[in-house]
């Protein structure tokens, strides 16, 4: 019972830690090139939400860069044909 009380007493820390952990996983996925990863916490307020929105904006920028690079490559191939 005492252990349960200790865990319940630490719940707020766990609530803060879990979004941070999830965002770190998302950032790791993005840095590995997985741009399909969902960035959690973008609707949250405070620092966690701000960080999540920044990561999402960075991910969207990478997606746009990849799209433009593909567009340029296709245009170059079409001009060479």
N, C-alpha and C. Protein backbone atom coordinates (compact mmCIF):
# COMPACT_ATOMS: atom_id res chain seq x y z
N UNK A 1 0.82 -1.19 0.00
CA UNK A 1 0.00 0.00 0.00
C UNK A 1 0.86 1.26 0.00
N UNK A 2 1.95 1.23 0.76
CA UNK A 2 2.83 2.39 0.81
C UNK A 2 3.43 2.66 -0.57
N UNK A 3 3.78 1.60 -1.29
CA UNK A 3 4.34 1.76 -2.64
C UNK A 3 3.32 2.43 -3.57
N UNK A 4 2.06 2.05 -3.47
CA UNK A 4 1.01 2.64 -4.28
C UNK A 4 0.88 4.13 -3.96
N UNK A 5 0.94 4.47 -2.69
CA UNK A 5 0.86 5.88 -2.31
C UNK A 5 2.04 6.67 -2.86
N UNK A 6 3.22 6.05 -2.88
CA UNK A 6 4.39 6.71 -3.44
C UNK A 6 4.19 6.96 -4.94
N UNK A 7 3.66 5.97 -5.64
CA UNK A 7 3.43 6.13 -7.08
C UNK A 7 2.39 7.19 -7.37
N UNK A 8 1.32 7.20 -6.61
CA UNK A 8 0.28 8.21 -6.80
C UNK A 8 0.84 9.60 -6.50
N UNK A 9 1.68 9.67 -5.47
CA UNK A 9 2.30 10.94 -5.12
C UNK A 9 3.21 11.46 -6.21
N UNK A 10 3.74 10.58 -7.04
CA UNK A 10 4.64 10.99 -8.13
C UNK A 10 3.92 11.16 -9.45
N UNK A 11 2.65 10.99 -9.49
CA UNK A 11 1.90 11.05 -10.73
C UNK A 11 2.12 12.36 -11.50
N UNK A 12 2.08 13.53 -10.89
CA UNK A 12 2.28 14.75 -11.69
C UNK A 12 3.61 14.75 -12.44
N UNK A 13 4.67 14.24 -11.82
CA UNK A 13 5.95 14.16 -12.52
C UNK A 13 5.85 13.24 -13.72
N UNK A 14 5.14 12.15 -13.57
CA UNK A 14 4.97 11.22 -14.68
C UNK A 14 4.17 11.86 -15.80
N UNK A 15 3.19 12.67 -15.45
CA UNK A 15 2.38 13.34 -16.47
C UNK A 15 3.23 14.30 -17.28
N UNK A 16 4.16 14.98 -16.65
CA UNK A 16 5.06 15.88 -17.36
C UNK A 16 6.08 15.09 -18.15
N UNK A 17 6.58 14.01 -17.59
CA UNK A 17 7.64 13.24 -18.22
C UNK A 17 7.16 12.52 -19.47
N UNK A 18 5.94 11.98 -19.48
CA UNK A 18 5.46 11.20 -20.62
C UNK A 18 5.38 12.01 -21.91
N UNK A 19 4.83 13.22 -21.92
CA UNK A 19 4.84 13.98 -23.18
C UNK A 19 6.25 14.27 -23.66
N UNK A 20 7.16 14.58 -22.74
CA UNK A 20 8.54 14.83 -23.11
C UNK A 20 9.15 13.59 -23.75
N UNK A 21 8.89 12.43 -23.19
CA UNK A 21 9.40 11.17 -23.72
C UNK A 21 8.83 10.91 -25.11
N UNK A 22 7.55 11.15 -25.28
CA UNK A 22 6.91 10.93 -26.58
C UNK A 22 7.47 11.88 -27.63
N UNK A 23 7.72 13.12 -27.25
CA UNK A 23 8.31 14.07 -28.19
C UNK A 23 9.72 13.67 -28.57
N UNK A 24 10.47 13.16 -27.61
CA UNK A 24 11.82 12.70 -27.93
C UNK A 24 11.79 11.56 -28.93
N UNK A 25 10.83 10.66 -28.79
CA UNK A 25 10.68 9.58 -29.76
C UNK A 25 10.34 10.14 -31.15
N UNK A 26 9.45 11.12 -31.19
CA UNK A 26 9.09 11.74 -32.46
C UNK A 26 10.31 12.41 -33.09
N UNK A 27 11.08 13.14 -32.29
CA UNK A 27 12.27 13.81 -32.82
C UNK A 27 13.29 12.80 -33.31
N UNK A 28 13.43 11.69 -32.61
CA UNK A 28 14.36 10.65 -33.06
C UNK A 28 13.91 10.07 -34.39
N UNK A 29 12.61 9.86 -34.53
CA UNK A 29 12.09 9.36 -35.80
C UNK A 29 12.32 10.33 -36.94
N UNK A 30 12.08 11.61 -36.69
CA UNK A 30 12.28 12.63 -37.71
C UNK A 30 13.76 12.70 -38.09
N UNK A 31 14.64 12.68 -37.11
CA UNK A 31 16.07 12.77 -37.42
C UNK A 31 16.57 11.54 -38.17
N UNK A 32 15.85 10.43 -38.04
CA UNK A 32 16.21 9.21 -38.78
C UNK A 32 15.59 9.21 -40.18
N UNK A 33 14.84 10.28 -40.51
CA UNK A 33 14.27 10.39 -41.84
C UNK A 33 12.82 9.97 -41.95
N UNK A 34 12.21 9.60 -40.85
CA UNK A 34 10.80 9.21 -40.87
C UNK A 34 9.94 10.46 -40.70
N UNK A 35 9.50 11.01 -41.82
CA UNK A 35 8.71 12.24 -41.77
C UNK A 35 7.22 11.96 -41.61
N UNK A 36 6.85 10.69 -41.55
CA UNK A 36 5.46 10.32 -41.33
C UNK A 36 5.10 10.23 -39.85
N UNK A 37 6.08 10.43 -38.99
CA UNK A 37 5.86 10.31 -37.55
C UNK A 37 4.92 11.43 -37.08
N UNK A 38 4.04 11.10 -36.15
CA UNK A 38 3.13 12.10 -35.59
C UNK A 38 3.81 12.75 -34.39
N UNK A 39 3.79 14.06 -34.36
CA UNK A 39 4.38 14.79 -33.23
C UNK A 39 3.29 14.99 -32.19
N UNK A 40 3.42 14.36 -31.03
CA UNK A 40 2.39 14.50 -29.99
C UNK A 40 2.52 15.82 -29.24
N UNK A 41 1.42 16.27 -28.68
CA UNK A 41 1.45 17.41 -27.78
C UNK A 41 1.36 18.77 -28.44
N UNK A 42 1.06 18.84 -29.73
CA UNK A 42 1.02 20.14 -30.39
C UNK A 42 -0.12 21.03 -29.87
N UNK A 43 -1.14 20.43 -29.30
CA UNK A 43 -2.26 21.21 -28.76
C UNK A 43 -2.05 21.58 -27.30
N UNK A 44 -1.00 21.08 -26.70
CA UNK A 44 -0.74 21.35 -25.28
C UNK A 44 -0.30 22.80 -25.09
N UNK A 45 -0.55 23.31 -23.90
CA UNK A 45 -0.10 24.67 -23.58
C UNK A 45 1.24 24.57 -22.87
N UNK A 46 1.86 25.67 -22.68
CA UNK A 46 3.13 25.71 -21.95
C UNK A 46 4.31 25.31 -22.80
N UNK A 47 5.40 24.99 -22.12
CA UNK A 47 6.65 24.68 -22.79
C UNK A 47 6.56 23.42 -23.66
N UNK A 48 5.87 22.41 -23.18
CA UNK A 48 5.77 21.16 -23.93
C UNK A 48 5.03 21.40 -25.24
N UNK A 49 3.94 22.13 -25.19
CA UNK A 49 3.21 22.44 -26.41
C UNK A 49 4.03 23.29 -27.37
N UNK A 50 4.74 24.26 -26.85
CA UNK A 50 5.58 25.11 -27.70
C UNK A 50 6.67 24.29 -28.37
N UNK A 51 7.29 23.39 -27.62
CA UNK A 51 8.33 22.54 -28.19
C UNK A 51 7.74 21.61 -29.25
N UNK A 52 6.57 21.04 -28.98
CA UNK A 52 5.94 20.14 -29.93
C UNK A 52 5.59 20.89 -31.22
N UNK A 53 5.08 22.10 -31.11
CA UNK A 53 4.74 22.88 -32.31
C UNK A 53 5.99 23.23 -33.10
N UNK A 54 7.10 23.49 -32.42
CA UNK A 54 8.36 23.77 -33.11
C UNK A 54 8.85 22.54 -33.87
N UNK A 55 8.76 21.38 -33.22
CA UNK A 55 9.17 20.13 -33.88
C UNK A 55 8.28 19.87 -35.09
N UNK A 56 6.98 20.10 -34.95
CA UNK A 56 6.05 19.90 -36.07
C UNK A 56 6.36 20.84 -37.23
N UNK A 57 6.68 22.10 -36.91
CA UNK A 57 7.04 23.06 -37.96
C UNK A 57 8.32 22.61 -38.67
N UNK A 58 9.28 22.13 -37.92
CA UNK A 58 10.53 21.62 -38.50
C UNK A 58 10.23 20.43 -39.41
N UNK A 59 9.36 19.51 -38.96
CA UNK A 59 8.98 18.34 -39.75
C UNK A 59 8.31 18.76 -41.05
N UNK A 60 7.39 19.73 -40.95
CA UNK A 60 6.71 20.22 -42.15
C UNK A 60 7.70 20.86 -43.12
N UNK A 61 8.69 21.56 -42.61
CA UNK A 61 9.74 22.15 -43.45
C UNK A 61 10.54 21.08 -44.18
N UNK A 62 10.86 20.00 -43.50
CA UNK A 62 11.58 18.90 -44.13
C UNK A 62 10.74 18.24 -45.23
N UNK A 63 9.45 18.10 -44.96
CA UNK A 63 8.55 17.52 -45.96
C UNK A 63 8.51 18.42 -47.20
N UNK A 64 8.41 19.72 -47.00
CA UNK A 64 8.37 20.66 -48.13
C UNK A 64 9.69 20.65 -48.89
N UNK A 65 10.81 20.57 -48.18
CA UNK A 65 12.12 20.50 -48.85
C UNK A 65 12.24 19.25 -49.71
N UNK A 66 11.77 18.13 -49.19
CA UNK A 66 11.80 16.88 -49.96
C UNK A 66 10.91 16.98 -51.19
N UNK A 67 9.74 17.60 -51.04
CA UNK A 67 8.82 17.78 -52.18
C UNK A 67 9.46 18.64 -53.26
N UNK A 68 10.09 19.74 -52.85
CA UNK A 68 10.74 20.62 -53.82
C UNK A 68 11.92 19.94 -54.50
N UNK A 69 12.68 19.16 -53.75
CA UNK A 69 13.81 18.44 -54.35
C UNK A 69 13.33 17.44 -55.39
N UNK A 70 12.24 16.77 -55.10
CA UNK A 70 11.66 15.82 -56.06
C UNK A 70 11.17 16.55 -57.30
N UNK A 71 10.53 17.69 -57.09
CA UNK A 71 10.02 18.49 -58.21
C UNK A 71 11.16 18.95 -59.12
N UNK A 72 12.25 19.42 -58.54
CA UNK A 72 13.40 19.88 -59.32
C UNK A 72 14.02 18.72 -60.08
N UNK A 73 14.17 17.57 -59.43
CA UNK A 73 14.75 16.40 -60.08
C UNK A 73 13.89 15.95 -61.26
N UNK A 74 12.58 15.96 -61.08
CA UNK A 74 11.67 15.57 -62.18
C UNK A 74 11.75 16.57 -63.33
N UNK A 75 11.84 17.84 -63.01
CA UNK A 75 11.95 18.87 -64.05
C UNK A 75 13.27 18.71 -64.82
N UNK A 76 14.36 18.44 -64.09
CA UNK A 76 15.65 18.22 -64.73
C UNK A 76 15.61 17.03 -65.68
N UNK A 77 14.98 15.93 -65.23
CA UNK A 77 14.86 14.74 -66.09
C UNK A 77 14.05 15.04 -67.33
N UNK A 78 12.97 15.80 -67.17
CA UNK A 78 12.12 16.15 -68.31
C UNK A 78 12.87 17.02 -69.31
N UNK A 79 13.69 17.91 -68.82
CA UNK A 79 14.47 18.78 -69.72
C UNK A 79 15.55 18.01 -70.46
N UNK A 80 16.09 16.97 -69.84
CA UNK A 80 17.13 16.17 -70.49
C UNK A 80 16.57 15.19 -71.51
N UNK A 81 15.29 14.91 -71.43
CA UNK A 81 14.68 13.92 -72.34
C UNK A 81 14.35 14.51 -73.68
